[in-house]
Protein backbone atom coordinates (compact mmCIF):
# COMPACT_ATOMS: atom_id res chain seq x y z
CA GLU A 1 157.10 119.62 390.26
CA ALA A 2 153.40 120.35 390.71
CA LYS A 3 151.28 117.48 391.94
CA LYS A 4 149.07 116.01 389.23
CA GLY A 5 145.38 115.56 389.80
CA VAL A 6 144.88 118.87 391.60
CA ILE A 7 144.13 122.22 390.03
CA PHE A 8 142.55 125.30 391.53
CA ASP A 9 141.20 128.53 390.04
CA ALA A 10 144.63 130.11 390.29
CA VAL A 11 145.98 127.06 388.38
CA HIS A 12 148.94 126.18 390.63
CA PRO A 13 148.10 123.72 393.43
CA HIS A 14 150.96 124.97 395.61
CA LYS A 15 150.22 128.63 394.91
CA ASP A 16 149.54 129.65 398.51
CA ALA A 17 152.71 128.05 399.83
CA LEU A 18 154.81 129.59 397.06
CA ILE A 19 153.35 133.05 397.54
CA LYS A 20 153.77 132.83 401.32
CA ASN A 21 157.38 131.78 400.87
CA LYS A 22 157.94 134.53 398.35
CA HIS A 23 156.43 137.18 400.63
CA GLN A 24 158.62 136.03 403.50
CA ASN A 25 161.67 136.35 401.30
CA GLU A 26 160.61 139.78 400.06
CA LYS A 27 160.22 140.97 403.65
CA LEU A 28 163.72 139.81 404.52
CA TYR A 29 165.12 141.42 401.40
CA GLN A 30 163.38 144.73 402.09
CA GLU A 31 164.97 144.77 405.54
CA ASP A 32 168.33 144.48 403.75
CA THR A 33 169.14 141.41 405.79
CA GLU A 34 171.72 138.98 404.58
CA VAL A 35 170.95 135.41 405.54
CA VAL A 36 173.25 132.48 405.11
CA GLY A 37 171.46 129.17 405.53
CA PHE A 38 169.66 126.23 404.01
CA HIS A 39 166.49 126.70 401.96
CA ASP A 40 164.83 123.88 400.04
CA ASP A 41 168.02 121.80 400.52
CA THR A 42 170.06 124.45 398.67
CA PHE A 43 172.73 126.72 400.20
CA TYR A 44 172.16 130.44 399.51
CA LEU A 45 174.37 133.43 400.23
CA ASP A 46 171.70 136.13 400.12
CA ASP A 47 167.95 136.66 399.83
CA GLU A 48 168.02 138.04 396.29
CA GLU A 49 169.20 134.71 394.97
CA ARG A 50 166.44 132.98 396.97
CA LEU A 51 163.82 135.34 395.52
CA GLU A 52 164.97 134.68 391.98
CA LYS A 53 164.85 130.93 392.59
CA ASP A 54 161.31 131.11 394.05
CA ASP A 55 160.07 133.30 391.18
CA LYS A 56 161.45 130.85 388.66
CA GLU A 57 159.94 127.87 390.54
CA PHE A 58 156.53 129.54 390.66
CA SER A 59 156.65 130.45 386.96
CA ASN A 60 157.79 126.97 385.92
CA GLY A 61 155.08 125.41 388.04
CA LEU A 62 152.41 127.47 386.32
CA GLN A 63 153.77 126.57 382.90
CA ASN A 64 153.87 122.86 383.74
CA ILE A 65 150.27 122.91 384.95
CA GLU A 66 149.07 124.82 381.88
CA LYS A 67 150.96 122.44 379.60
CA ASN A 68 149.41 119.34 381.20
CA ALA A 69 145.87 120.72 381.49
CA SER A 70 143.32 120.42 378.70
CA LYS A 71 139.63 121.05 378.06
CA LYS A 72 137.49 117.93 377.99
CA LEU A 73 133.84 117.15 377.46
CA PRO A 74 132.04 116.65 380.79
CA GLN A 75 132.25 113.29 382.50
CA ALA A 76 129.28 114.25 384.68
CA LEU A 77 126.20 116.46 384.29
CA ILE A 78 123.85 118.03 386.80
CA ILE A 79 120.69 117.84 384.70
CA GLY A 80 118.07 119.25 387.08
CA VAL A 81 115.68 119.96 388.56
CA LYS A 82 114.95 123.69 388.58
CA LYS A 83 114.25 125.17 392.05
CA SER A 84 115.45 122.00 393.77
CA GLY A 85 119.02 122.90 394.75
CA THR A 86 121.13 122.43 391.62
CA LYS A 87 123.10 125.62 392.22
CA ALA A 88 123.77 124.69 395.84
CA LEU A 89 124.97 121.24 394.82
CA LEU A 90 127.44 122.62 392.29
CA GLU A 91 128.72 125.30 394.69
CA PHE A 92 129.34 122.63 397.32
CA LEU A 93 131.05 120.32 394.82
CA ARG A 94 133.44 123.08 393.75
CA ILE A 95 135.22 122.61 397.09
CA HIS A 96 136.58 119.29 395.83
CA PRO A 97 140.03 119.68 394.25
CA ASP A 98 139.26 117.05 391.62
CA ILE A 99 136.09 118.73 390.32
CA ARG A 100 136.06 121.53 387.78
CA ALA A 101 133.01 123.21 386.29
CA PRO A 102 132.23 126.15 383.99
CA GLY A 103 130.66 129.25 385.49
CA ALA A 104 127.24 129.88 383.96
CA GLU A 105 124.88 127.20 382.65
CA VAL A 106 125.98 126.27 379.14
CA HIS A 107 122.58 125.03 377.81
CA PHE A 108 124.33 123.07 375.09
CA PHE A 109 122.00 120.08 374.89
CA ASP A 110 118.76 122.09 374.96
CA LYS A 111 119.60 125.38 373.18
CA PHE A 112 122.98 125.32 371.47
CA TYR A 113 123.33 121.74 370.27
CA SER A 114 123.71 122.91 366.66
CA LYS A 115 127.02 124.57 367.60
CA GLY A 116 128.60 121.12 367.92
CA PHE A 117 130.75 119.30 370.44
CA LYS A 118 133.90 121.26 369.63
CA TRP A 119 132.12 124.45 370.71
CA TYR A 120 130.83 122.67 373.83
CA ARG A 121 134.31 121.52 374.80
CA ARG A 122 135.62 125.09 374.49
CA GLN A 123 133.14 126.18 377.17
CA MET A 124 134.71 123.79 379.70
CA PRO A 125 137.53 124.65 382.13
CA SER A 126 140.95 123.08 381.75
CA THR A 127 141.54 119.97 383.82
CA LEU A 128 144.35 117.59 384.68
CA ASP A 129 144.33 113.79 384.55
CA GLY A 130 142.25 112.49 387.43
CA GLN A 131 139.96 115.51 387.56
CA ILE A 132 136.28 115.47 386.58
CA THR A 133 134.58 118.13 384.48
CA ILE A 134 130.97 118.74 385.54
CA GLU A 135 128.45 120.89 383.70
CA LYS A 136 125.13 122.02 385.18
CA THR A 137 122.06 123.04 383.24
CA GLN A 138 118.89 122.54 385.26
CA SER A 139 116.53 122.29 382.28
CA TYR A 140 118.21 119.20 380.77
CA PHE A 141 116.14 116.75 382.85
CA THR A 142 112.80 117.99 381.49
CA THR A 143 113.74 118.72 377.86
CA LYS A 144 112.57 116.04 375.44
CA ASP A 145 115.55 115.67 373.08
CA VAL A 146 118.31 116.00 375.66
CA PRO A 147 118.71 112.34 376.76
CA LYS A 148 119.41 111.18 373.20
CA ARG A 149 121.86 114.02 372.62
CA VAL A 150 123.73 113.32 375.85
CA ARG A 151 123.98 109.64 374.88
CA THR A 152 125.57 110.75 371.60
CA MET A 153 128.30 112.44 373.63
CA SER A 154 128.92 109.51 375.98
CA LYS A 155 127.14 106.38 377.14
CA ASP A 156 129.20 106.46 380.35
CA VAL A 157 128.49 110.00 381.51
CA LYS A 158 127.30 110.22 385.12
CA LEU A 159 124.07 112.10 385.71
CA LEU A 160 123.05 113.97 388.85
CA VAL A 161 119.43 114.93 389.50
CA VAL A 162 118.44 117.10 392.46
CA VAL A 163 114.75 116.64 393.30
CA ARG A 164 112.44 118.28 395.80
CA ASP A 165 108.83 117.87 396.94
CA PRO A 166 107.05 118.77 393.68
CA VAL A 167 104.43 120.86 395.48
CA THR A 168 106.92 123.16 397.22
CA ARG A 169 109.04 123.14 394.06
CA ALA A 170 106.07 124.38 391.99
CA ILE A 171 105.35 127.16 394.49
CA SER A 172 109.01 128.17 394.49
CA ASP A 173 109.04 128.17 390.68
CA TYR A 174 105.93 130.34 390.60
CA THR A 175 107.35 132.72 393.23
CA GLN A 176 110.49 133.33 391.20
CA SER A 177 108.44 133.97 388.04
CA SER A 178 106.01 136.30 389.82
CA ILE A 179 108.90 138.53 390.90
CA LYS A 180 110.05 138.86 387.31
CA HIS A 181 106.53 139.16 385.90
CA LYS A 182 104.34 141.29 388.15
CA ASP A 183 101.17 140.59 386.12
CA LEU A 184 101.51 136.81 386.33
CA GLY A 185 98.36 136.27 388.36
CA ARG A 186 97.61 134.23 391.47
CA PHE A 187 99.02 130.73 391.91
CA GLU A 188 95.52 129.29 392.48
CA ASP A 189 94.29 130.72 389.17
CA LEU A 190 97.17 129.22 387.21
CA VAL A 191 97.47 125.78 388.78
CA PHE A 192 93.94 124.61 387.88
CA VAL A 193 92.21 124.35 384.52
CA ASP A 194 89.26 125.92 386.33
CA ASN A 195 88.52 126.49 390.01
CA THR A 196 85.15 124.71 389.81
CA THR A 197 86.41 121.23 388.97
CA GLY A 198 89.82 121.59 390.66
CA LEU A 199 91.44 119.85 387.68
CA VAL A 200 95.20 120.45 387.76
CA ASP A 201 96.62 122.07 384.64
CA THR A 202 99.37 119.63 383.69
CA SER A 203 100.44 121.84 380.78
CA TRP A 204 101.61 124.59 383.16
CA THR A 205 105.39 124.31 383.40
CA PRO A 206 105.70 124.62 387.22
CA ILE A 207 103.36 121.61 387.52
CA LYS A 208 104.71 119.61 384.57
CA THR A 209 108.31 119.90 385.82
CA GLY A 210 107.43 118.08 389.05
CA VAL A 211 106.13 114.93 387.37
CA TYR A 212 109.59 113.41 387.78
CA ALA A 213 108.64 109.85 386.86
CA LYS A 214 107.55 110.89 383.37
CA HIS A 215 110.81 112.74 382.70
CA LEU A 216 112.90 109.90 384.12
CA GLU A 217 111.28 107.42 381.74
CA ARG A 218 112.90 109.25 378.82
CA TRP A 219 116.32 109.12 380.44
CA ILE A 220 116.29 105.40 381.25
CA ASN A 221 115.58 104.72 377.58
CA TYR A 222 119.15 105.85 376.96
CA PHE A 223 120.99 105.29 380.25
CA PRO A 224 120.90 102.56 382.90
CA ILE A 225 119.54 103.75 386.23
CA GLU A 226 122.99 103.04 387.73
CA ASN A 227 124.31 106.01 385.72
CA ILE A 228 121.89 108.37 387.49
CA HIS A 229 122.22 109.57 391.08
CA PHE A 230 119.33 111.32 392.79
CA VAL A 231 119.99 114.01 395.39
CA SER A 232 117.30 115.02 397.87
CA GLY A 233 116.89 118.79 397.81
CA GLU A 234 115.46 118.69 401.32
CA GLU A 235 118.37 116.66 402.73
CA LEU A 236 120.84 118.87 400.90
CA ILE A 237 119.62 121.64 403.22
CA ARG A 238 119.23 119.55 406.39
CA ASP A 239 122.35 117.41 406.07
CA PRO A 240 124.55 118.56 403.16
CA ALA A 241 127.58 116.51 404.20
CA THR A 242 125.72 113.20 403.95
CA GLU A 243 124.26 114.04 400.53
CA LEU A 244 127.68 115.20 399.31
CA GLU A 245 129.31 112.01 400.58
CA MET A 246 126.96 109.94 398.41
CA VAL A 247 127.60 112.19 395.41
CA GLN A 248 131.38 111.97 395.77
CA LYS A 249 131.23 108.17 395.98
CA PHE A 250 128.93 108.05 392.94
CA LEU A 251 131.47 110.12 391.00
CA GLY A 252 134.27 107.77 392.07
CA LEU A 253 136.06 110.49 394.06
CA LYS A 254 137.71 110.48 397.45
CA VAL A 255 135.35 111.90 400.06
CA VAL A 256 136.86 115.32 400.74
CA ILE A 257 133.74 117.42 401.40
CA THR A 258 132.53 116.74 404.95
CA ASN A 259 130.72 118.38 407.87
CA LYS A 260 133.71 120.58 408.57
CA HIS A 261 132.93 122.60 405.43
CA PHE A 262 129.41 123.69 406.46
CA TYR A 263 127.54 125.75 408.98
CA PHE A 264 123.81 126.46 409.11
CA ASN A 265 122.77 130.08 408.59
CA VAL A 266 119.68 130.46 410.78
CA SER A 267 118.55 133.77 409.26
CA ARG A 268 118.61 132.39 405.72
CA GLY A 269 117.52 128.89 406.61
CA PHE A 270 120.27 127.39 404.43
CA PRO A 271 123.64 125.74 404.98
CA CYS A 272 126.63 127.90 404.07
CA LEU A 273 130.24 127.11 403.32
CA LYS A 274 132.77 128.00 405.98
CA LYS A 275 135.74 130.08 404.92
CA GLN A 276 138.64 127.92 403.90
CA GLU A 277 141.56 127.82 406.30
CA LYS A 278 143.07 131.29 406.84
CA HIS A 279 141.81 132.95 403.67
CA GLY A 280 138.58 133.61 401.87
CA ARG A 281 135.15 134.32 403.30
CA PRO A 282 132.16 132.24 404.36
CA HIS A 283 130.01 131.65 401.29
CA CYS A 284 126.21 131.64 401.33
CA LEU A 285 123.82 131.50 398.41
CA GLY A 286 122.01 134.69 397.38
CA VAL A 287 118.96 136.14 399.07
CA SER A 288 116.76 134.71 396.32
CA LYS A 289 117.32 131.27 397.84
CA SER A 290 115.52 132.25 401.03
CA ARG A 291 112.68 134.42 399.69
CA ASP A 292 109.20 134.23 401.22
CA TYR A 293 106.48 132.29 399.42
CA PRO A 294 102.99 133.70 398.81
CA PHE A 295 100.12 132.44 400.93
CA ILE A 296 98.51 129.36 399.34
CA LYS A 297 95.24 127.96 400.69
CA ASP A 298 95.44 124.54 402.37
CA LYS A 299 92.87 123.04 400.01
CA VAL A 300 95.04 123.97 397.04
CA ILE A 301 98.07 122.31 398.64
CA LYS A 302 96.02 119.21 399.44
CA ARG A 303 94.72 118.97 395.88
CA LEU A 304 98.25 119.18 394.51
CA ARG A 305 99.53 116.53 396.91
CA ASN A 306 96.80 114.17 395.77
CA PHE A 307 97.67 114.91 392.16
CA TYR A 308 101.37 114.15 392.61
CA LYS A 309 100.93 111.11 394.89
CA PRO A 310 100.82 108.38 392.18
CA PHE A 311 103.68 109.99 390.26
CA ASN A 312 105.77 110.22 393.44
CA ARG A 313 105.15 106.56 394.24
CA ARG A 314 106.26 105.60 390.76
CA PHE A 315 109.35 107.78 391.10
CA TYR A 316 110.25 106.12 394.41
CA GLN A 317 110.02 102.71 392.73
CA MET A 318 112.17 103.78 389.78
CA THR A 319 114.91 105.35 391.90
CA GLY A 320 114.83 102.97 394.86
CA ARG A 321 114.62 105.88 397.29
CA ASP A 322 111.77 107.22 399.40
CA PHE A 323 111.95 111.01 399.46
CA ASN A 324 109.18 111.39 402.10
CA TRP A 325 106.89 113.58 400.02
CA ILE A 326 103.78 111.42 400.48
């Protein structure tokens, strides 16, 4: 019987062992070898009978898993922040056998809320008892109506927020947009209301997104701060295992993801996932995660740091963590 609480993309938790066993049996059978011996505590006269038994076991195992699995609304959400490491966090968490997540961002709470919770549940992967369904949409944290809508789904949902130095986050946000929109203009021309006064344009989305304290105030109107865990985007790069340990504990899971899963890719400047055991490949995020930033004058950077300083201090107080941006 398949072990409950574990499900992988191929559904059966013992898939690899079953397939390996089946292939071994097929090889013996192809060699037209008759073997008399013990296998799984059962006495067999030939390999054909063993093959039939293994095929039936594999098929029954799949059926049992499918029968026990069901789609559930998420028990945890990665709600942001854009250009801070949300994709990396989810990719790392997928290693855990008790975490399941849909592929693309669902955008239910900010774009498709009118479709209803039944539609939302259909977008989720099937899970077994003991597994957690996690959905990631990076714009949830900064969208006004989302906290109330999430509370309608569940008051106990666990929320994960990946944050990064708001200055470097804004530049990264701009860089991504400038690649898609060649006529976007220079960063310096967009970040200020005018270059004479040096007044920061707080209506510009790359700047507004980084005022984390303001966005967090909306969320704590609906959820206690204990329901929200903050991940440092910088530490997720420097020391992913430590950040992932805290996340796993926050989610109430056994700590499975450790240093042994990562290696640092010097050319990309990012941690990558090692290949798992004797199959698969090392997994690194796309080239877009290590793109070069445009040159920004030091005085522009300094002005932005001064702008964000009071908001960062407030954010440190609210979260109880110093992210070392000041």
